[in-house]
Structure formats: structure tokens, C-alpha cells
PDB file of all heavy atoms in Angstrom:
ATOM      1  N   ASP A   1      61.606  -9.598 -46.147  1.00  0.00           N
ATOM      2  CA  ASP A   1      60.612  -8.711 -46.553  1.00  0.00           C
ATOM      3  C   ASP A   1      60.110  -9.100 -47.934  1.00  0.00           C
ATOM      4  O   ASP A   1      59.122  -8.487 -48.362  1.00  0.00           O
ATOM      5  CB  ASP A   1      60.989  -7.265 -46.650  1.00  0.00           C
ATOM      6  CG  ASP A   1      61.334  -6.695 -45.265  1.00  0.00           C
ATOM      7  OD1 ASP A   1      60.603  -7.189 -44.226  1.00  0.00           O
ATOM      8  OD2 ASP A   1      62.213  -5.795 -45.085  1.00  0.00           O
ATOM      9  N   ARG A   2      60.719 -10.082 -48.586  1.00  0.00           N
ATOM     10  CA  ARG A   2      60.333 -10.399 -49.899  1.00  0.00           C
ATOM     11  C   ARG A   2      59.198 -11.400 -49.933  1.00  0.00           C
ATOM     12  O   ARG A   2      59.002 -12.241 -49.140  1.00  0.00           O
ATOM     13  CB  ARG A   2      61.554 -11.053 -50.664  1.00  0.00           C
ATOM     14  CG  ARG A   2      62.774 -10.115 -50.839  1.00  0.00           C
ATOM     15  CD  ARG A   2      63.860 -10.626 -51.673  1.00  0.00           C
ATOM     16  NE  ARG A   2      63.481 -11.070 -53.003  1.00  0.00           N
ATOM     17  CZ  ARG A   2      63.868 -12.013 -53.753  1.00  0.00           C
ATOM     18  NH1 ARG A   2      64.918 -12.727 -53.310  1.00  0.00           N
ATOM     19  NH2 ARG A   2      63.364 -12.271 -54.916  1.00  0.00           N
ATOM     20  N   ALA A   3      58.332 -11.304 -50.917  1.00  0.00           N
ATOM     21  CA  ALA A   3      57.216 -12.209 -51.092  1.00  0.00           C
ATOM     22  C   ALA A   3      57.030 -12.646 -52.444  1.00  0.00           C
ATOM     23  O   ALA A   3      57.598 -12.191 -53.368  1.00  0.00           O
ATOM     24  CB  ALA A   3      55.941 -11.422 -50.638  1.00  0.00           C
ATOM     25  N   GLY A   4      56.206 -13.682 -52.731  1.00  0.00           N
ATOM     26  CA  GLY A   4      55.907 -14.232 -53.942  1.00  0.00           C
ATOM     27  C   GLY A   4      55.233 -13.366 -55.020  1.00  0.00           C
ATOM     28  O   GLY A   4      55.142 -13.721 -56.154  1.00  0.00           O
ATOM     29  N   ASP A   5      54.677 -12.262 -54.513  1.00  0.00           N
ATOM     30  CA  ASP A   5      53.944 -11.335 -55.405  1.00  0.00           C
ATOM     31  C   ASP A   5      54.498  -9.933 -55.495  1.00  0.00           C
ATOM     32  O   ASP A   5      53.744  -8.989 -55.657  1.00  0.00           O
ATOM     33  CB  ASP A   5      52.442 -11.296 -55.103  1.00  0.00           C
ATOM     34  CG  ASP A   5      52.178 -10.897 -53.594  1.00  0.00           C
ATOM     35  OD1 ASP A   5      53.212 -10.542 -52.880  1.00  0.00           O
ATOM     36  OD2 ASP A   5      51.026 -10.646 -53.247  1.00  0.00           O
ATOM     37  N   ASP A   6      55.823  -9.788 -55.211  1.00  0.00           N
ATOM     38  CA  ASP A   6      56.442  -8.523 -55.138  1.00  0.00           C
ATOM     39  C   ASP A   6      56.432  -7.778 -56.523  1.00  0.00           C
ATOM     40  O   ASP A   6      56.371  -6.522 -56.460  1.00  0.00           O
ATOM     41  CB  ASP A   6      57.955  -8.671 -54.744  1.00  0.00           C
ATOM     42  CG  ASP A   6      58.028  -8.773 -53.142  1.00  0.00           C
ATOM     43  OD1 ASP A   6      57.085  -8.374 -52.487  1.00  0.00           O
ATOM     44  OD2 ASP A   6      59.049  -9.311 -52.742  1.00  0.00           O
ATOM     45  N   VAL A   7      56.535  -8.464 -57.550  1.00  0.00           N
ATOM     46  CA  VAL A   7      56.688  -7.775 -58.889  1.00  0.00           C
ATOM     47  C   VAL A   7      55.468  -8.131 -59.787  1.00  0.00           C
ATOM     48  O   VAL A   7      55.276  -9.209 -59.979  1.00  0.00           O
ATOM     49  CB  VAL A   7      58.029  -8.266 -59.622  1.00  0.00           C
ATOM     50  CG1 VAL A   7      58.201  -7.543 -60.936  1.00  0.00           C
ATOM     51  CG2 VAL A   7      59.197  -8.020 -58.676  1.00  0.00           C
ATOM     52  N   GLN A   8      54.903  -7.106 -60.341  1.00  0.00           N
ATOM     53  CA  GLN A   8      53.886  -7.270 -61.245  1.00  0.00           C
ATOM     54  C   GLN A   8      54.266  -6.695 -62.700  1.00  0.00           C
ATOM     55  O   GLN A   8      54.608  -5.518 -62.740  1.00  0.00           O
ATOM     56  CB  GLN A   8      52.525  -6.669 -60.907  1.00  0.00           C
ATOM     57  CG  GLN A   8      51.310  -6.873 -61.922  1.00  0.00           C
ATOM     58  CD  GLN A   8      50.010  -6.328 -61.493  1.00  0.00           C
ATOM     59  OE1 GLN A   8      49.530  -5.408 -62.073  1.00  0.00           O
ATOM     60  NE2 GLN A   8      49.361  -6.909 -60.506  1.00  0.00           N
ATOM     61  N   LEU A   9      54.494  -7.594 -63.611  1.00  0.00           N
ATOM     62  CA  LEU A   9      54.800  -7.107 -64.969  1.00  0.00           C
ATOM     63  C   LEU A   9      53.747  -7.279 -66.037  1.00  0.00           C
ATOM     64  O   LEU A   9      53.058  -8.321 -65.948  1.00  0.00           O
ATOM     65  CB  LEU A   9      56.012  -7.824 -65.439  1.00  0.00           C
ATOM     66  CG  LEU A   9      57.452  -7.460 -64.784  1.00  0.00           C
ATOM     67  CD1 LEU A   9      58.583  -8.242 -65.447  1.00  0.00           C
ATOM     68  CD2 LEU A   9      57.689  -6.015 -64.822  1.00  0.00           C
ATOM     69  N   ALA A  10      53.382  -6.395 -66.902  1.00  0.00           N
ATOM     70  CA  ALA A  10      52.452  -6.519 -67.921  1.00  0.00           C
ATOM     71  C   ALA A  10      53.181  -6.495 -69.196  1.00  0.00           C
ATOM     72  O   ALA A  10      53.932  -5.653 -69.525  1.00  0.00           O
ATOM     73  CB  ALA A  10      51.478  -5.343 -67.752  1.00  0.00           C
ATOM     74  N   HIS A  11      52.817  -7.474 -70.063  1.00  0.00           N
ATOM     75  CA  HIS A  11      53.320  -7.504 -71.484  1.00  0.00           C
ATOM     76  C   HIS A  11      52.272  -7.265 -72.487  1.00  0.00           C
ATOM     77  O   HIS A  11      51.354  -7.896 -72.681  1.00  0.00           O
ATOM     78  CB  HIS A  11      53.910  -8.894 -71.672  1.00  0.00           C
ATOM     79  CG  HIS A  11      54.800  -9.022 -72.913  1.00  0.00           C
ATOM     80  ND1 HIS A  11      55.850  -9.772 -72.899  1.00  0.00           N
ATOM     81  CD2 HIS A  11      54.682  -8.408 -74.068  1.00  0.00           C
ATOM     82  CE1 HIS A  11      56.555  -9.651 -74.134  1.00  0.00           C
ATOM     83  NE2 HIS A  11      55.749  -8.876 -74.762  1.00  0.00           N
ATOM     84  N   PHE A  12      52.442  -6.029 -73.077  1.00  0.00           N
ATOM     85  CA  PHE A  12      51.461  -5.529 -74.025  1.00  0.00           C
ATOM     86  C   PHE A  12      51.961  -5.788 -75.402  1.00  0.00           C
ATOM     87  O   PHE A  12      53.169  -5.796 -75.684  1.00  0.00           O
ATOM     88  CB  PHE A  12      51.267  -4.039 -73.925  1.00  0.00           C
ATOM     89  CG  PHE A  12      50.700  -3.525 -72.637  1.00  0.00           C
ATOM     90  CD1 PHE A  12      51.526  -3.389 -71.488  1.00  0.00           C
ATOM     91  CD2 PHE A  12      49.356  -3.145 -72.521  1.00  0.00           C
ATOM     92  CE1 PHE A  12      51.041  -2.924 -70.249  1.00  0.00           C
ATOM     93  CE2 PHE A  12      48.829  -2.694 -71.273  1.00  0.00           C
ATOM     94  CZ  PHE A  12      49.658  -2.570 -70.276  1.00  0.00           C
ATOM     95  N   ASP A  13      51.092  -6.074 -76.417  1.00  0.00           N
ATOM     96  CA  ASP A  13      51.385  -5.949 -77.753  1.00  0.00           C
ATOM     97  C   ASP A  13      50.194  -5.484 -78.596  1.00  0.00           C
ATOM     98  O   ASP A  13      49.007  -5.356 -78.048  1.00  0.00           O
ATOM     99  CB  ASP A  13      52.014  -7.177 -78.385  1.00  0.00           C
ATOM    100  CG  ASP A  13      50.975  -8.265 -78.688  1.00  0.00           C
ATOM    101  OD1 ASP A  13      49.777  -8.219 -78.481  1.00  0.00           O
ATOM    102  OD2 ASP A  13      51.475  -9.334 -79.200  1.00  0.00           O
ATOM    103  N   VAL A  14      50.403  -5.080 -79.765  1.00  0.00           N
ATOM    104  CA  VAL A  14      49.440  -4.359 -80.569  1.00  0.00           C
ATOM    105  C   VAL A  14      48.634  -5.531 -81.300  1.00  0.00           C
ATOM    106  O   VAL A  14      49.238  -6.463 -81.837  1.00  0.00           O
ATOM    107  CB  VAL A  14      50.081  -3.583 -81.693  1.00  0.00           C
ATOM    108  CG1 VAL A  14      49.027  -2.939 -82.653  1.00  0.00           C
ATOM    109  CG2 VAL A  14      50.851  -2.444 -80.953  1.00  0.00           C
ATOM    110  N   ASN A  15      47.345  -5.410 -81.292  1.00  0.00           N
ATOM    111  CA  ASN A  15      46.449  -6.434 -82.108  1.00  0.00           C
ATOM    112  C   ASN A  15      46.742  -6.408 -83.531  1.00  0.00           C
ATOM    113  O   ASN A  15      46.659  -5.377 -84.214  1.00  0.00           O
ATOM    114  CB  ASN A  15      44.979  -6.014 -81.786  1.00  0.00           C
ATOM    115  CG  ASN A  15      44.541  -6.347 -80.424  1.00  0.00           C
ATOM    116  OD1 ASN A  15      45.314  -7.058 -79.619  1.00  0.00           O
ATOM    117  ND2 ASN A  15      43.396  -5.828 -79.905  1.00  0.00           N
ATOM    118  N   ASP A  16      47.124  -7.566 -84.028  1.00  0.00           N
ATOM    119  CA  ASP A  16      47.394  -7.646 -85.493  1.00  0.00           C
ATOM    120  C   ASP A  16      48.210  -6.636 -86.042  1.00  0.00           C
ATOM    121  O   ASP A  16      47.974  -6.048 -87.125  1.00  0.00           O
ATOM    122  CB  ASP A  16      46.138  -7.710 -86.300  1.00  0.00           C
ATOM    123  CG  ASP A  16      46.206  -8.193 -87.726  1.00  0.00           C
ATOM    124  OD1 ASP A  16      47.172  -8.919 -87.960  1.00  0.00           O
ATOM    125  OD2 ASP A  16      45.393  -7.885 -88.499  1.00  0.00           O
ATOM    126  N   ALA A  17      49.412  -6.343 -85.419  1.00  0.00           N
ATOM    127  CA  ALA A  17      50.345  -5.397 -85.965  1.00  0.00           C
ATOM    128  C   ALA A  17      50.789  -5.695 -87.290  1.00  0.00           C
ATOM    129  O   ALA A  17      51.050  -4.812 -88.172  1.00  0.00           O
ATOM    130  CB  ALA A  17      51.541  -5.264 -84.954  1.00  0.00           C
ATOM    131  N   THR A  18      51.110  -6.980 -87.533  1.00  0.00           N
ATOM    132  CA  THR A  18      51.530  -7.391 -88.895  1.00  0.00           C
ATOM    133  C   THR A  18      50.603  -7.075 -89.955  1.00  0.00           C
ATOM    134  O   THR A  18      50.810  -6.493 -91.010  1.00  0.00           O
ATOM    135  CB  THR A  18      51.912  -8.853 -88.931  1.00  0.00           C
ATOM    136  OG1 THR A  18      52.900  -9.139 -87.937  1.00  0.00           O
ATOM    137  CG2 THR A  18      52.411  -9.311 -90.376  1.00  0.00           C
ATOM    138  N   GLY A  19      49.308  -7.424 -89.767  1.00  0.00           N
ATOM    139  CA  GLY A  19      48.224  -7.278 -90.761  1.00  0.00           C
ATOM    140  C   GLY A  19      47.919  -5.753 -90.953  1.00  0.00           C
ATOM    141  O   GLY A  19      47.549  -5.318 -92.114  1.00  0.00           O
ATOM    142  N   LYS A  20      47.857  -4.969 -89.763  1.00  0.00           N
ATOM    143  CA  LYS A  20      47.394  -3.675 -89.863  1.00  0.00           C
ATOM    144  C   LYS A  20      48.532  -2.704 -90.399  1.00  0.00           C
ATOM    145  O   LYS A  20      48.277  -1.769 -91.042  1.00  0.00           O
ATOM    146  CB  LYS A  20      46.956  -3.190 -88.499  1.00  0.00           C
ATOM    147  CG  LYS A  20      45.605  -3.799 -88.179  1.00  0.00           C
ATOM    148  CD  LYS A  20      45.282  -3.285 -86.694  1.00  0.00           C
ATOM    149  CE  LYS A  20      43.908  -3.833 -86.265  1.00  0.00           C
ATOM    150  NZ  LYS A  20      43.604  -3.475 -84.890  1.00  0.00           N
ATOM    151  N   TYR A  21      49.775  -2.989 -90.009  1.00  0.00           N
ATOM    152  CA  TYR A  21      50.854  -2.042 -90.202  1.00  0.00           C
ATOM    153  C   TYR A  21      52.095  -2.654 -90.973  1.00  0.00           C
ATOM    154  O   TYR A  21      52.451  -2.174 -92.044  1.00  0.00           O
ATOM    155  CB  TYR A  21      51.465  -1.520 -88.840  1.00  0.00           C
ATOM    156  CG  TYR A  21      50.295  -1.037 -87.953  1.00  0.00           C
ATOM    157  CD1 TYR A  21      50.054  -1.504 -86.663  1.00  0.00           C
ATOM    158  CD2 TYR A  21      49.501   0.032 -88.340  1.00  0.00           C
ATOM    159  CE1 TYR A  21      49.106  -1.041 -85.803  1.00  0.00           C
ATOM    160  CE2 TYR A  21      48.482   0.549 -87.630  1.00  0.00           C
ATOM    161  CZ  TYR A  21      48.261   0.036 -86.266  1.00  0.00           C
ATOM    162  OH  TYR A  21      47.283   0.427 -85.492  1.00  0.00           O
ATOM    163  N   THR A  22      52.728  -3.695 -90.456  1.00  0.00           N
ATOM    164  CA  THR A  22      53.930  -4.243 -91.042  1.00  0.00           C
ATOM    165  C   THR A  22      53.783  -4.633 -92.561  1.00  0.00           C
ATOM    166  O   THR A  22      54.654  -4.263 -93.350  1.00  0.00           O
ATOM    167  CB  THR A  22      54.438  -5.425 -90.283  1.00  0.00           C
ATOM    168  OG1 THR A  22      54.511  -5.060 -88.818  1.00  0.00           O
ATOM    169  CG2 THR A  22      55.828  -5.863 -90.770  1.00  0.00           C
ATOM    170  N   ASP A  23      52.668  -5.310 -92.818  1.00  0.00           N
ATOM    171  CA  ASP A  23      52.442  -5.779 -94.187  1.00  0.00           C
ATOM    172  C   ASP A  23      51.677  -4.864 -95.059  1.00  0.00           C
ATOM    173  O   ASP A  23      51.407  -5.142 -96.288  1.00  0.00           O
ATOM    174  CB  ASP A  23      51.683  -7.148 -94.218  1.00  0.00           C
ATOM    175  CG  ASP A  23      52.560  -8.283 -93.664  1.00  0.00           C
ATOM    176  OD1 ASP A  23      53.809  -8.175 -93.552  1.00  0.00           O
ATOM    177  OD2 ASP A  23      51.961  -9.336 -93.390  1.00  0.00           O
ATOM    178  N   ARG A  24      51.315  -3.628 -94.578  1.00  0.00           N
ATOM    179  CA  ARG A  24      50.500  -2.746 -95.314  1.00  0.00           C
ATOM    180  C   ARG A  24      51.093  -1.378 -95.504  1.00  0.00           C
ATOM    181  O   ARG A  24      50.785  -0.604 -96.458  1.00  0.00           O
ATOM    182  CB  ARG A  24      49.058  -2.577 -94.743  1.00  0.00           C
ATOM    183  CG  ARG A  24      48.346  -3.872 -94.714  1.00  0.00           C
ATOM    184  CD  ARG A  24      46.893  -3.680 -94.082  1.00  0.00           C
ATOM    185  NE  ARG A  24      46.135  -2.622 -94.898  1.00  0.00           N
ATOM    186  CZ  ARG A  24      45.027  -2.196 -94.531  1.00  0.00           C
ATOM    187  NH1 ARG A  24      44.360  -2.477 -93.408  1.00  0.00           N
ATOM    188  NH2 ARG A  24      44.344  -1.415 -95.328  1.00  0.00           N
ATOM    189  N   MET A  25      52.010  -0.977 -94.518  1.00  0.00           N
ATOM    190  CA  MET A  25      52.586   0.330 -94.551  1.00  0.00           C
ATOM    191  C   MET A  25      54.091   0.262 -94.679  1.00  0.00           C
ATOM    192  O   MET A  25      54.701  -0.779 -94.422  1.00  0.00           O
ATOM    193  CB  MET A  25      52.268   1.029 -93.297  1.00  0.00           C
ATOM    194  CG  MET A  25      50.779   1.141 -92.912  1.00  0.00           C
ATOM    195  SD  MET A  25      50.463   1.730 -91.298  1.00  0.00           S
ATOM    196  CE  MET A  25      50.938   3.452 -91.361  1.00  0.00           C
ATOM    197  N   ASN A  26      54.737   1.382 -95.091  1.00  0.00           N
ATOM    198  CA  ASN A  26      56.229   1.332 -95.140  1.00  0.00           C
ATOM    199  C   ASN A  26      56.742   1.213 -93.661  1.00  0.00           C
ATOM    200  O   ASN A  26      56.027   1.610 -92.741  1.00  0.00           O
ATOM    201  CB  ASN A  26      56.721   2.661 -95.915  1.00  0.00           C
ATOM    202  CG  ASN A  26      56.686   3.849 -95.171  1.00  0.00           C
ATOM    203  OD1 ASN A  26      57.117   4.043 -94.054  1.00  0.00           O
ATOM    204  ND2 ASN A  26      55.810   4.721 -95.759  1.00  0.00           N
ATOM    205  N   ALA A  27      57.913   0.840 -93.547  1.00  0.00           N
ATOM    206  CA  ALA A  27      58.492   0.538 -92.161  1.00  0.00           C
ATOM    207  C   ALA A  27      58.487   1.807 -91.266  1.00  0.00           C
ATOM    208  O   ALA A  27      58.239   1.685 -90.155  1.00  0.00           O
ATOM    209  CB  ALA A  27      59.957  -0.033 -92.442  1.00  0.00           C
ATOM    210  N   TYR A  28      58.674   2.955 -91.853  1.00  0.00           N
ATOM    211  CA  TYR A  28      58.792   4.137 -91.083  1.00  0.00           C
ATOM    212  C   TYR A  28      57.395   4.502 -90.493  1.00  0.00           C
ATOM    213  O   TYR A  28      57.283   4.815 -89.304  1.00  0.00           O
ATOM    214  CB  TYR A  28      59.458   5.291 -91.689  1.00  0.00           C
ATOM    215  CG  TYR A  28      59.725   6.402 -90.886  1.00  0.00           C
ATOM    216  CD1 TYR A  28      60.835   6.338 -90.010  1.00  0.00           C
ATOM    217  CD2 TYR A  28      58.968   7.593 -90.778  1.00  0.00           C
ATOM    218  CE1 TYR A  28      61.207   7.379 -89.071  1.00  0.00           C
ATOM    219  CE2 TYR A  28      59.339   8.613 -90.013  1.00  0.00           C
ATOM    220  CZ  TYR A  28      60.449   8.560 -89.103  1.00  0.00           C
ATOM    221  OH  TYR A  28      60.673   9.543 -88.275  1.00  0.00           O
ATOM    222  N   ASP A  29      56.355   4.488 -91.360  1.00  0.00           N
ATOM    223  CA  ASP A  29      55.086   4.870 -90.870  1.00  0.00           C
ATOM    224  C   ASP A  29      54.540   3.708 -89.957  1.00  0.00           C
ATOM    225  O   ASP A  29      53.736   4.082 -88.966  1.00  0.00           O
ATOM    226  CB  ASP A  29      54.147   4.943 -92.056  1.00  0.00           C
ATOM    227  CG  ASP A  29      54.429   6.128 -92.866  1.00  0.00           C
ATOM    228  OD1 ASP A  29      55.021   7.121 -92.476  1.00  0.00           O
ATOM    229  OD2 ASP A  29      54.116   6.127 -94.122  1.00  0.00           O
ATOM    230  N   SER A  30      54.970   2.484 -90.183  1.00  0.00           N
ATOM    231  CA  SER A  30      54.518   1.463 -89.144  1.00  0.00           C
ATOM    232  C   SER A  30      55.131   1.734 -87.754  1.00  0.00           C
ATOM    233  O   SER A  30      54.495   1.629 -86.708  1.00  0.00           O
ATOM    234  CB  SER A  30      55.022   0.093 -89.605  1.00  0.00           C
ATOM    235  OG  SER A  30      54.347  -0.386 -90.839  1.00  0.00           O
ATOM    236  N   PHE A  31      56.470   2.156 -87.886  1.00  0.00           N
ATOM    237  CA  PHE A  31      57.140   2.537 -86.612  1.00  0.00           C
ATOM    238  C   PHE A  31      56.432   3.641 -85.965  1.00  0.00           C
ATOM    239  O   PHE A  31      56.226   3.639 -84.674  1.00  0.00           O
ATOM    240  CB  PHE A  31      58.494   2.895 -86.952  1.00  0.00           C
ATOM    241  CG  PHE A  31      59.337   3.421 -85.758  1.00  0.00           C
ATOM    242  CD1 PHE A  31      59.487   2.677 -84.718  1.00  0.00           C
ATOM    243  CD2 PHE A  31      59.848   4.742 -85.856  1.00  0.00           C
ATOM    244  CE1 PHE A  31      60.486   3.169 -83.701  1.00  0.00           C
ATOM    245  CE2 PHE A  31      60.607   5.249 -84.793  1.00  0.00           C
ATOM    246  CZ  PHE A  31      60.901   4.473 -83.683  1.00  0.00           C
ATOM    247  N   ILE A  32      55.951   4.709 -86.671  1.00  0.00           N
ATOM    248  CA  ILE A  32      55.321   5.819 -86.030  1.00  0.00           C
ATOM    249  C   ILE A  32      54.004   5.384 -85.319  1.00  0.00           C
ATOM    250  O   ILE A  32      53.635   5.826 -84.209  1.00  0.00           O
ATOM    251  CB  ILE A  32      54.929   6.828 -87.104  1.00  0.00           C
ATOM    252  CG1 ILE A  32      56.215   7.618 -87.577  1.00  0.00           C
ATOM    253  CG2 ILE A  32      53.976   7.850 -86.609  1.00  0.00           C
ATOM    254  CD1 ILE A  32      55.966   8.581 -88.664  1.00  0.00           C
ATOM    255  N   ARG A  33      53.267   4.452 -85.936  1.00  0.00           N
ATOM    256  CA  ARG A  33      52.042   4.102 -85.339  1.00  0.00           C
ATOM    257  C   ARG A  33      52.280   3.252 -84.019  1.00  0.00           C
ATOM    258  O   ARG A  33      51.580   3.449 -83.079  1.00  0.00           O
ATOM    259  CB  ARG A  33      51.207   3.088 -86.360  1.00  0.00           C
ATOM    260  CG  ARG A  33      50.757   3.828 -87.541  1.00  0.00           C
ATOM    261  CD  ARG A  33      49.642   4.845 -87.157  1.00  0.00           C
ATOM    262  NE  ARG A  33      48.558   4.222 -86.876  1.00  0.00           N
ATOM    263  CZ  ARG A  33      47.630   4.797 -86.077  1.00  0.00           C
ATOM    264  NH1 ARG A  33      47.646   6.080 -85.634  1.00  0.00           N
ATOM    265  NH2 ARG A  33      46.486   4.198 -85.682  1.00  0.00           N
ATOM    266  N   ILE A  34      53.196   2.478 -84.119  1.00  0.00           N
ATOM    267  CA  ILE A  34      53.521   1.549 -82.840  1.00  0.00           C
ATOM    268  C   ILE A  34      54.039   2.537 -81.782  1.00  0.00           C
ATOM    269  O   ILE A  34      53.576   2.408 -80.571  1.00  0.00           O
ATOM    270  CB  ILE A  34      54.601   0.510 -83.197  1.00  0.00           C
ATOM    271  CG1 ILE A  34      54.145  -0.426 -84.336  1.00  0.00           C
ATOM    272  CG2 ILE A  34      55.039  -0.166 -81.826  1.00  0.00           C
ATOM    273  CD1 ILE A  34      52.965  -1.292 -83.934  1.00  0.00           C
ATOM    274  N   GLU A  35      54.873   3.499 -82.158  1.00  0.00           N
ATOM    275  CA  GLU A  35      55.351   4.423 -81.194  1.00  0.00           C
ATOM    276  C   GLU A  35      54.321   5.333 -80.541  1.00  0.00           C
ATOM    277  O   GLU A  35      54.382   5.637 -79.431  1.00  0.00           O
ATOM    278  CB  GLU A  35      56.461   5.218 -81.771  1.00  0.00           C
ATOM    279  CG  GLU A  35      57.796   4.566 -82.013  1.00  0.00           C
ATOM    280  CD  GLU A  35      58.489   4.157 -80.712  1.00  0.00           C
ATOM    281  OE1 GLU A  35      58.851   5.123 -79.954  1.00  0.00           O
ATOM    282  OE2 GLU A  35      58.619   3.003 -80.387  1.00  0.00           O
ATOM    283  N   GLN A  36      53.298   5.694 -81.369  1.00  0.00           N
ATOM    284  CA  GLN A  36      52.233   6.459 -80.831  1.00  0.00           C
ATOM    285  C   GLN A  36      51.425   5.693 -79.775  1.00  0.00           C
ATOM    286  O   GLN A  36      51.026   6.214 -78.703  1.00  0.00           O
ATOM    287  CB  GLN A  36      51.237   6.757 -81.951  1.00  0.00           C
ATOM    288  CG  GLN A  36      51.617   7.881 -82.946  1.00  0.00           C
ATOM    289  CD  GLN A  36      50.746   8.192 -84.018  1.00  0.00           C
ATOM    290  OE1 GLN A  36      50.115   7.265 -84.523  1.00  0.00           O
ATOM    291  NE2 GLN A  36      50.513   9.426 -84.410  1.00  0.00           N
ATOM    292  N   GLY A  37      51.167   4.392 -80.028  1.00  0.00           N
ATOM    293  CA  GLY A  37      50.599   3.543 -79.036  1.00  0.00           C
ATOM    294  C   GLY A  37      51.367   3.339 -77.727  1.00  0.00           C
ATOM    295  O   GLY A  37      50.919   3.509 -76.597  1.00  0.00           O
ATOM    296  N   TYR A  38      52.705   3.170 -77.888  1.00  0.00           N
ATOM    297  CA  TYR A  38      53.601   3.075 -76.779  1.00  0.00           C
ATOM    298  C   TYR A  38      53.682   4.398 -75.992  1.00  0.00           C
ATOM    299  O   TYR A  38      53.592   4.373 -74.746  1.00  0.00           O
ATOM    300  CB  TYR A  38      55.020   2.678 -77.350  1.00  0.00           C
ATOM    301  CG  TYR A  38      56.126   3.017 -76.359  1.00  0.00           C
ATOM    302  CD1 TYR A  38      56.049   2.642 -74.949  1.00  0.00           C
ATOM    303  CD2 TYR A  38      57.263   3.733 -76.692  1.00  0.00           C
ATOM    304  CE1 TYR A  38      57.160   2.910 -74.148  1.00  0.00           C
ATOM    305  CE2 TYR A  38      58.156   4.152 -75.914  1.00  0.00           C
ATOM    306  CZ  TYR A  38      58.176   3.678 -74.483  1.00  0.00           C
ATOM    307  OH  TYR A  38      59.175   4.002 -73.711  1.00  0.00           O
ATOM    308  N   ALA A  39      53.805   5.503 -76.658  1.00  0.00           N
ATOM    309  CA  ALA A  39      53.929   6.807 -75.982  1.00  0.00           C
ATOM    310  C   ALA A  39      52.638   7.120 -75.099  1.00  0.00           C
ATOM    311  O   ALA A  39      52.854   7.572 -74.019  1.00  0.00           O
ATOM    312  CB  ALA A  39      54.172   7.862 -76.985  1.00  0.00           C
ATOM    313  N   GLU A  40      51.523   6.878 -75.732  1.00  0.00           N
ATOM    314  CA  GLU A  40      50.306   7.185 -75.047  1.00  0.00           C
ATOM    315  C   GLU A  40      50.132   6.194 -73.826  1.00  0.00           C
ATOM    316  O   GLU A  40      49.700   6.695 -72.760  1.00  0.00           O
ATOM    317  CB  GLU A  40      49.077   7.083 -75.896  1.00  0.00           C
ATOM    318  CG  GLU A  40      47.751   7.690 -75.362  1.00  0.00           C
ATOM    319  CD  GLU A  40      48.048   9.160 -74.958  1.00  0.00           C
ATOM    320  OE1 GLU A  40      48.658   9.869 -75.766  1.00  0.00           O
ATOM    321  OE2 GLU A  40      47.528   9.530 -73.917  1.00  0.00           O
ATOM    322  N   LEU A  41      50.538   4.879 -74.000  1.00  0.00           N
ATOM    323  CA  LEU A  41      50.388   3.922 -72.910  1.00  0.00           C
ATOM    324  C   LEU A  41      51.402   4.372 -71.779  1.00  0.00           C
ATOM    325  O   LEU A  41      50.949   4.340 -70.597  1.00  0.00           O
ATOM    326  CB  LEU A  41      50.680   2.520 -73.401  1.00  0.00           C
ATOM    327  CG  LEU A  41      50.624   1.496 -72.316  1.00  0.00           C
ATOM    328  CD1 LEU A  41      49.262   1.258 -71.688  1.00  0.00           C
ATOM    329  CD2 LEU A  41      51.180   0.191 -72.813  1.00  0.00           C
ATOM    330  N   MET A  42      52.591   4.692 -72.188  1.00  0.00           N
ATOM    331  CA  MET A  42      53.621   5.142 -71.232  1.00  0.00           C
ATOM    332  C   MET A  42      53.091   6.250 -70.382  1.00  0.00           C
ATOM    333  O   MET A  42      53.198   6.325 -69.152  1.00  0.00           O
ATOM    334  CB  MET A  42      54.921   5.488 -71.933  1.00  0.00           C
ATOM    335  CG  MET A  42      55.961   6.063 -71.130  1.00  0.00           C
ATOM    336  SD  MET A  42      57.540   6.258 -72.075  1.00  0.00           S
ATOM    337  CE  MET A  42      56.942   7.622 -73.087  1.00  0.00           C
ATOM    338  N   ARG A  43      52.591   7.388 -71.028  1.00  0.00           N
ATOM    339  CA  ARG A  43      52.046   8.476 -70.366  1.00  0.00           C
ATOM    340  C   ARG A  43      50.911   8.116 -69.422  1.00  0.00           C
ATOM    341  O   ARG A  43      50.877   8.622 -68.203  1.00  0.00           O
ATOM    342  CB  ARG A  43      51.678   9.589 -71.314  1.00  0.00           C
ATOM    343  CG  ARG A  43      52.782  10.361 -71.895  1.00  0.00           C
ATOM    344  CD  ARG A  43      52.188  11.565 -72.711  1.00  0.00           C
ATOM    345  NE  ARG A  43      51.594  11.235 -73.759  1.00  0.00           N
ATOM    346  CZ  ARG A  43      52.096  11.126 -75.006  1.00  0.00           C
ATOM    347  NH1 ARG A  43      53.303  11.452 -75.344  1.00  0.00           N
ATOM    348  NH2 ARG A  43      51.372  10.814 -76.067  1.00  0.00           N
ATOM    349  N   TYR A  44      49.910   7.388 -69.814  1.00  0.00           N
ATOM    350  CA  TYR A  44      48.766   7.046 -69.173  1.00  0.00           C
ATOM    351  C   TYR A  44      49.083   6.147 -67.975  1.00  0.00           C
ATOM    352  O   TYR A  44      48.493   6.483 -66.775  1.00  0.00           O
ATOM    353  CB  TYR A  44      47.716   6.497 -69.967  1.00  0.00           C
ATOM    354  CG  TYR A  44      46.299   6.556 -69.373  1.00  0.00           C
ATOM    355  CD1 TYR A  44      45.642   7.631 -69.134  1.00  0.00           C
ATOM    356  CD2 TYR A  44      45.806   5.252 -68.902  1.00  0.00           C
ATOM    357  CE1 TYR A  44      44.361   7.710 -68.525  1.00  0.00           C
ATOM    358  CE2 TYR A  44      44.498   5.281 -68.266  1.00  0.00           C
ATOM    359  CZ  TYR A  44      43.778   6.532 -68.059  1.00  0.00           C
ATOM    360  OH  TYR A  44      42.652   6.444 -67.418  1.00  0.00           O
TER     361      TYR A  44
END
């Protein structure tokens, strides 16, 4: 029953996370922003 298209995986990342968050905000606030994006994507 197995086929060559059984699994579809999507790899997301944040556009310019380093420039927007990592290099501009403290580590905790950067984490919050990334987690907000993840949580909303997860729900949707």
C-alpha cells in the first residue's frame, strides 16, 4: 500500500529572523515573536 508520495512535509522558517529579531531584540522577546508565529501556524 506504500507509494512514493505518501508523506508531505513542509519546512517553514521566519523571513529574516536574525535581522528582525535575533540581532535587534533581547533573546526572550525574540523567542516570544517566533513562538507567536509558530502557535498561530500550528492552530491554523
